[in-house]
Amino acid sequence: MPRKGMRSLCFSPETQLFQGSVSPSSSITSPASGFSESMIEQIIDTAAIIVAKWDGETSPYAKVTSMFYESKREAMHFIRSVNDLRKIMHFLVSGQDSGSENLIRAQRLMQIAMKRLQKEFYQILSMNRAHLDPESVSTRSSRTSTQSSLSDYDYDASPDYEFGAAKESISEVEEVSFMAMSDLKSIADCMIGSGYAKECVQIYNMIRKSIINEGIYKLGIEKVSSSKINKMEWDVLNLKIKDWLEAMKISMRTLFTGERILCDFVFSSSDSIRESCFSEITKEGAVLLFEFPEVVGKVKKSSPERIFRLLGMYTAISDNWPEIETIFSFESISAVRSQALNSMARLSESVRLLLLDFESMIRKDSSKTTVPGGGIHPLTIYSMNYLTALGDYGNILTDIISDWPPPAISSLPEISFYSPVSNESPAAPISDRISRLILVLLCKLDSKAKYYKDVAVSYLFLANNLQYVISRIHKSNLHSLLSKEWITKHEVKVNQLATSYERFAWGNVLASLPANPTAPMKPAEAKDCFRKFSISFEDAYWKQISCVVPNSMLRDQIKVSIGRKLVAVYQNFFDSHKSTIGDEKSITLFVRFYPEDVGNYLSDLFIRTLTSGGGSSPSSSS
């Protein structure tokens, strides 16, 4: 049975080879070649001197002093001596000389040396908490660059730690972190190679796990049950979600990234040890971090607006998924990856339900109050605010909706004017969902238009609201989610609605003029036409002066269209028949509107507000 000091080193082929940044003394013959008796005694005597010097049990100086802080050169000499001692012990055991005095002496020295290294390991970890915090460690660009830059450093070539160009390229804080990591690696390599991996790992896990747990606590991450979340006021839950989003950012950028870098470097000599250490240190905190979105996703009562917080959490996990897979790549910590995926699945389900709730809310809106002047309905503004905000999560929604079955055709509103684009060229699922929600909105607006007593204003109301929808689409990310065909089709519908408004609002005015405005006419007929035009124009003007068209392009389009049809015809009629009705006095008596008056009054349309007092009376003209 091997003695305690030998541990497993004499029986593990892996420990026969020197690993790490500390080079064995070039004067030592390899175990395969054998050692002379005098050489064995010389190595043990050399190790005994430095081990005794730093034996805290016999040296008051060693008890209160850190070897690595007092003399880096001597610390490296200590490590080399222990490594040489390990080789001698392996040689003696392999030579079936397990009972020799040299082996017993070497074993005793190894136990003292390991006790010293445990103390040094603990001190470096404890005294460098600030310099080995995840943020300092994660300032390195990657674990690969850190391992490369540090493992390439040769202590023997530069025992006084003159880093040269490498030293100049890092900050003072990074340099201290650099040094501490190197010292920890040297000790870990030595202890693991000497069969003291368990003691090394226990110290490392104890200190590093306390740092990670403290970080998680400071970030506000705690275990929260579904029942507690369901009882929270939205303002409280909203703040917790904000805190989580910030915690997610910091955790992935520094906390877990830095710990993985440090763990990979310190235990680079053993894949199994670095995996077990990282898993032990971070698993509990990481699972707790990624568990929160799943709990929030289970909230039973939630308004449609809360979808954006859920999308924010989904985005945070999705955007960091490559890092999650890399940092938590070990099989022993697969629970972290599984928890992150479970949270994304739960958030996806909740987002889908909230989209259905939003659609249901539009359908169930039962307000019958009309918007003065055919302006933009509050439901339109609210819905487009909601939809344009959804547009900012286009890529995320695409992921969430990609495998969501399309809605049944029978569930769509039956209004042919707003019928969906044909299925000849099916759109992406996200386009289908967005266009469906807009369709439901437009159909609801169509039903609200029926509450206007004036048919013309009802058409203007629909034109205004559809134009508002299209304008919001153009100014947001929705334009990239909806097809050009869809947008073009609905722009045509705006024009159709505007044309219908013109026909119902100004049709009687045009009808009061003869089909051929320049055809010969008797004085009585001309006077009657001027009288009918004046009455119908004044009546139409007073009805339409309170109407509004918020969109300047649509407003100008309607004005130009009315002017082109009405003013031009009236101008021809006026020029042809003003002399028919008599002299200047007769004209003043029967003609209440000159062509330029009609143009001026038309230019006054659609810009009035309820508080502006309306326009001037057409009858006061001329």
Foldseek 3Di string as FASTA:
>chain_A
DADPLQACLLPDPLLLDADFQQDADPVDDRLVVPDDPVRLVVLLVQLCVLLVCLQLVPDVVNVPDQPCVVFVLSVSVNLNSLSSLSRSLSSCVVVVNRPDPSNVSSSVSSVSSLVNLLVNLLCLLVVCCVLLAQQNQLVPPALVVLLVVLRPDHCVVPVPPPPPPVVVVDDPSNVSSSVSLSSLLSSCSSCVSSNNNVSSLVSLLVRLLVSLVVLLVVLVQDDDALVRLLPDDPVVVVVVLVSLLVSLVCCLSTHLRSLLSSLCNSVVSDPVSSLVSSCSRPLVSLLSSLQVLLSNLPHDDDALVCLVSLLSLLCSLVVCVVSCCVSQVDPSNCSSVVSNVSSNLSSLVSSVVSLVVLLVVLLPDDDQDADWQLAADPVLVVLLVSLLSVLVSVVVVLVSQQPPDQDDPVPADPDVLLDDDDPPPPAGRLQSSSSRSVSSNLVSLLVSLVSDPQVLSSLSNSLQSLVVSLVSCVVGSVVVSHDPVSSVSSVVVSVVSLVVSCCRLCVQLLVLADPQLQDDDALVSLLSSLQSNVVSLLVSLVVFQRHARPDPVVLVVSLVVNCVRRLVSVQNNCVRPLPNNHDPVSSVVRHLDDSVLSNVSSVSGRPDHPPPPTDDRSNVGD
